[in-house]
Amino acid sequence: LSFYECRLITDTTVKILSDSLRGLTTLTQLHLNLGKTQIKTDGVISISNAISQQSLLEALTISLNENDGITNEVSHRIAVALSSLTSLNQIALYFDKFDFQTDVTVKGKH
């Protein structure tokens, strides 16, 4: 699914996407591009929580490049939500503004 540069990611769009993801019971791969959408933090968390309920998911790619609201804290919350996916063999998360060197939420936890 690609919403790249789609400036119309509203709360309604996020709710529909999240509900749709929750309804999929045999999803094994998901590639979600939300780059340059300016999606709100709550929307990203909602989608991440919906994805975390996919027990058969084996491959996941999420791109949130060039979204100003995606901070280290938000990125960490996404990673925590997705950590329940024990079936994942492949994961790629793209956050262009994430800085592991200055992220206080993950220091000492790896």
C-alpha atoms as a PDB file:
ATOM      1  CA  LEU A   1       0.000   0.000   0.000  1.00  0.00           C
ATOM      2  CA  SER A   2       1.430   3.354  -0.936  1.00  0.00           C
ATOM      3  CA  PHE A   3       0.187   6.711   0.221  1.00  0.00           C
ATOM      4  CA  TYR A   4       3.443   8.467  -0.747  1.00  0.00           C
ATOM      5  CA  GLU A   5       2.972  12.253  -0.914  1.00  0.00           C
ATOM      6  CA  CYS A   6      -0.754  11.886  -0.236  1.00  0.00           C
ATOM      7  CA  ARG A   7      -1.519  14.959   1.862  1.00  0.00           C
ATOM      8  CA  LEU A   8      -5.034  13.758   2.633  1.00  0.00           C
ATOM      9  CA  ILE A   9      -4.251  11.187   5.318  1.00  0.00           C
ATOM     10  CA  THR A  10      -7.064  12.157   7.665  1.00  0.00           C
ATOM     11  CA  ASP A  11      -8.230  10.582  10.904  1.00  0.00           C
ATOM     12  CA  THR A  12     -10.955   8.852   8.873  1.00  0.00           C
ATOM     13  CA  THR A  13      -8.400   7.409   6.438  1.00  0.00           C
ATOM     14  CA  VAL A  14      -6.333   6.105   9.359  1.00  0.00           C
ATOM     15  CA  LYS A  15      -9.404   4.528  10.979  1.00  0.00           C
ATOM     16  CA  ILE A  16     -10.412   2.802   7.728  1.00  0.00           C
ATOM     17  CA  LEU A  17      -6.861   1.528   7.177  1.00  0.00           C
ATOM     18  CA  SER A  18      -6.498   0.342  10.780  1.00  0.00           C
ATOM     19  CA  ASP A  19      -9.879  -1.406  10.741  1.00  0.00           C
ATOM     20  CA  SER A  20      -9.070  -3.030   7.400  1.00  0.00           C
ATOM     21  CA  LEU A  21      -5.735  -4.314   8.698  1.00  0.00           C
ATOM     22  CA  ARG A  22      -7.428  -5.771  11.778  1.00  0.00           C
ATOM     23  CA  GLY A  23      -9.920  -7.555   9.521  1.00  0.00           C
ATOM     24  CA  LEU A  24      -7.258  -9.330   7.482  1.00  0.00           C
ATOM     25  CA  THR A  25      -6.663 -12.734   9.032  1.00  0.00           C
ATOM     26  CA  THR A  26      -4.139 -14.268   6.626  1.00  0.00           C
ATOM     27  CA  LEU A  27      -1.834 -11.325   5.919  1.00  0.00           C
ATOM     28  CA  THR A  28       1.749 -12.572   5.572  1.00  0.00           C
ATOM     29  CA  GLN A  29       3.430  -9.557   3.929  1.00  0.00           C
ATOM     30  CA  LEU A  30       2.831  -5.833   4.209  1.00  0.00           C
ATOM     31  CA  HIS A  31       4.655  -2.970   2.563  1.00  0.00           C
ATOM     32  CA  LEU A  32       3.259   0.362   3.725  1.00  0.00           C
ATOM     33  CA  ASN A  33       4.618   3.620   2.355  1.00  0.00           C
ATOM     34  CA  LEU A  34       3.463   6.683   4.299  1.00  0.00           C
ATOM     35  CA  GLY A  35       6.343   8.895   3.180  1.00  0.00           C
ATOM     36  CA  LYS A  36       5.638  12.623   2.822  1.00  0.00           C
ATOM     37  CA  THR A  37       2.073  12.295   4.119  1.00  0.00           C
ATOM     38  CA  GLN A  38       2.397  14.385   7.304  1.00  0.00           C
ATOM     39  CA  ILE A  39       0.373  11.691   9.066  1.00  0.00           C
ATOM     40  CA  LYS A  40      -0.389  12.509  12.687  1.00  0.00           C
ATOM     41  CA  THR A  41       1.387  10.680  15.506  1.00  0.00           C
ATOM     42  CA  ASP A  42      -1.853   9.109  16.764  1.00  0.00           C
ATOM     43  CA  GLY A  43      -2.503   7.751  13.273  1.00  0.00           C
ATOM     44  CA  VAL A  44       0.894   6.094  13.090  1.00  0.00           C
ATOM     45  CA  ILE A  45       0.384   4.486  16.509  1.00  0.00           C
ATOM     46  CA  SER A  46      -3.115   3.283  15.543  1.00  0.00           C
ATOM     47  CA  ILE A  47      -1.835   1.674  12.344  1.00  0.00           C
ATOM     48  CA  SER A  48       1.098   0.103  14.212  1.00  0.00           C
ATOM     49  CA  ASN A  49      -1.258  -1.374  16.788  1.00  0.00           C
ATOM     50  CA  ALA A  50      -3.435  -2.820  14.011  1.00  0.00           C
ATOM     51  CA  ILE A  51      -0.372  -4.335  12.334  1.00  0.00           C
ATOM     52  CA  SER A  52       0.767  -5.827  15.649  1.00  0.00           C
ATOM     53  CA  GLN A  53      -2.365  -8.018  15.657  1.00  0.00           C
ATOM     54  CA  GLN A  54      -1.293  -9.826  12.478  1.00  0.00           C
ATOM     55  CA  SER A  55      -0.104 -13.139  13.895  1.00  0.00           C
ATOM     56  CA  LEU A  56       0.887 -14.586  10.492  1.00  0.00           C
ATOM     57  CA  LEU A  57       2.887 -11.585   9.297  1.00  0.00           C
ATOM     58  CA  GLU A  58       6.311 -12.707   8.051  1.00  0.00           C
ATOM     59  CA  ALA A  59       7.574  -9.621   6.186  1.00  0.00           C
ATOM     60  CA  LEU A  60       6.943  -5.975   7.016  1.00  0.00           C
ATOM     61  CA  THR A  61       8.163  -2.729   5.492  1.00  0.00           C
ATOM     62  CA  ILE A  62       7.001   0.650   6.777  1.00  0.00           C
ATOM     63  CA  SER A  63       8.298   3.911   5.370  1.00  0.00           C
ATOM     64  CA  LEU A  64       7.609   7.130   7.258  1.00  0.00           C
ATOM     65  CA  ASN A  65      10.290   9.238   5.576  1.00  0.00           C
ATOM     66  CA  GLU A  66       9.841  12.998   5.458  1.00  0.00           C
ATOM     67  CA  ASN A  67       7.106  13.215   8.087  1.00  0.00           C
ATOM     68  CA  ASP A  68       7.878  16.004  10.547  1.00  0.00           C
ATOM     69  CA  GLY A  69       5.915  14.548  13.477  1.00  0.00           C
ATOM     70  CA  ILE A  70       7.855  11.285  13.622  1.00  0.00           C
ATOM     71  CA  THR A  71      10.185  11.753  16.577  1.00  0.00           C
ATOM     72  CA  ASN A  72      12.456   9.274  18.334  1.00  0.00           C
ATOM     73  CA  GLU A  73       9.740   8.686  20.934  1.00  0.00           C
ATOM     74  CA  VAL A  74       7.138   7.899  18.268  1.00  0.00           C
ATOM     75  CA  SER A  75       9.564   5.605  16.433  1.00  0.00           C
ATOM     76  CA  HIS A  76      10.253   3.765  19.675  1.00  0.00           C
ATOM     77  CA  ARG A  77       6.511   3.356  20.374  1.00  0.00           C
ATOM     78  CA  ILE A  78       6.087   1.875  16.891  1.00  0.00           C
ATOM     79  CA  ALA A  79       8.918  -0.584  17.502  1.00  0.00           C
ATOM     80  CA  VAL A  80       7.421  -1.622  20.849  1.00  0.00           C
ATOM     81  CA  ALA A  81       3.994  -2.174  19.255  1.00  0.00           C
ATOM     82  CA  LEU A  82       5.549  -4.323  16.536  1.00  0.00           C
ATOM     83  CA  SER A  83       7.729  -6.321  18.935  1.00  0.00           C
ATOM     84  CA  SER A  84       4.820  -8.707  19.581  1.00  0.00           C
ATOM     85  CA  LEU A  85       5.061 -10.016  16.011  1.00  0.00           C
ATOM     86  CA  THR A  86       6.934 -13.237  16.681  1.00  0.00           C
ATOM     87  CA  SER A  87       6.346 -14.596  13.167  1.00  0.00           C
ATOM     88  CA  LEU A  88       8.355 -11.795  11.507  1.00  0.00           C
ATOM     89  CA  ASN A  89      11.329 -13.017   9.511  1.00  0.00           C
ATOM     90  CA  GLN A  90      11.963  -9.714   7.751  1.00  0.00           C
ATOM     91  CA  ILE A  91      11.333  -6.154   8.899  1.00  0.00           C
ATOM     92  CA  ALA A  92      12.355  -2.802   7.476  1.00  0.00           C
ATOM     93  CA  LEU A  93      11.373   0.466   9.127  1.00  0.00           C
ATOM     94  CA  TYR A  94      12.362   3.731   7.479  1.00  0.00           C
ATOM     95  CA  PHE A  95      12.432   6.870   9.627  1.00  0.00           C
ATOM     96  CA  ASP A  96      14.673   9.500   8.055  1.00  0.00           C
ATOM     97  CA  LYS A  97      14.860  11.691  11.180  1.00  0.00           C
ATOM     98  CA  PHE A  98      15.492   8.952  13.764  1.00  0.00           C
ATOM     99  CA  ASP A  99      18.803   9.294  15.581  1.00  0.00           C
ATOM    100  CA  PHE A 100      19.883   6.303  17.681  1.00  0.00           C
ATOM    101  CA  GLN A 101      22.808   8.284  19.122  1.00  0.00           C
ATOM    102  CA  THR A 102      20.570  10.791  20.886  1.00  0.00           C
ATOM    103  CA  ASP A 103      17.510   8.616  21.528  1.00  0.00           C
ATOM    104  CA  VAL A 104      17.099   8.344  25.290  1.00  0.00           C
ATOM    105  CA  THR A 105      14.212   5.869  24.955  1.00  0.00           C
ATOM    106  CA  VAL A 106      16.418   3.023  23.694  1.00  0.00           C
ATOM    107  CA  LYS A 107      19.798   3.616  25.346  1.00  0.00           C
ATOM    108  CA  GLY A 108      20.784   0.711  27.526  1.00  0.00           C
ATOM    109  CA  LYS A 109      17.835  -1.442  26.466  1.00  0.00           C
ATOM    110  CA  HIS A 110      19.467  -3.489  23.695  1.00  0.00           C
END
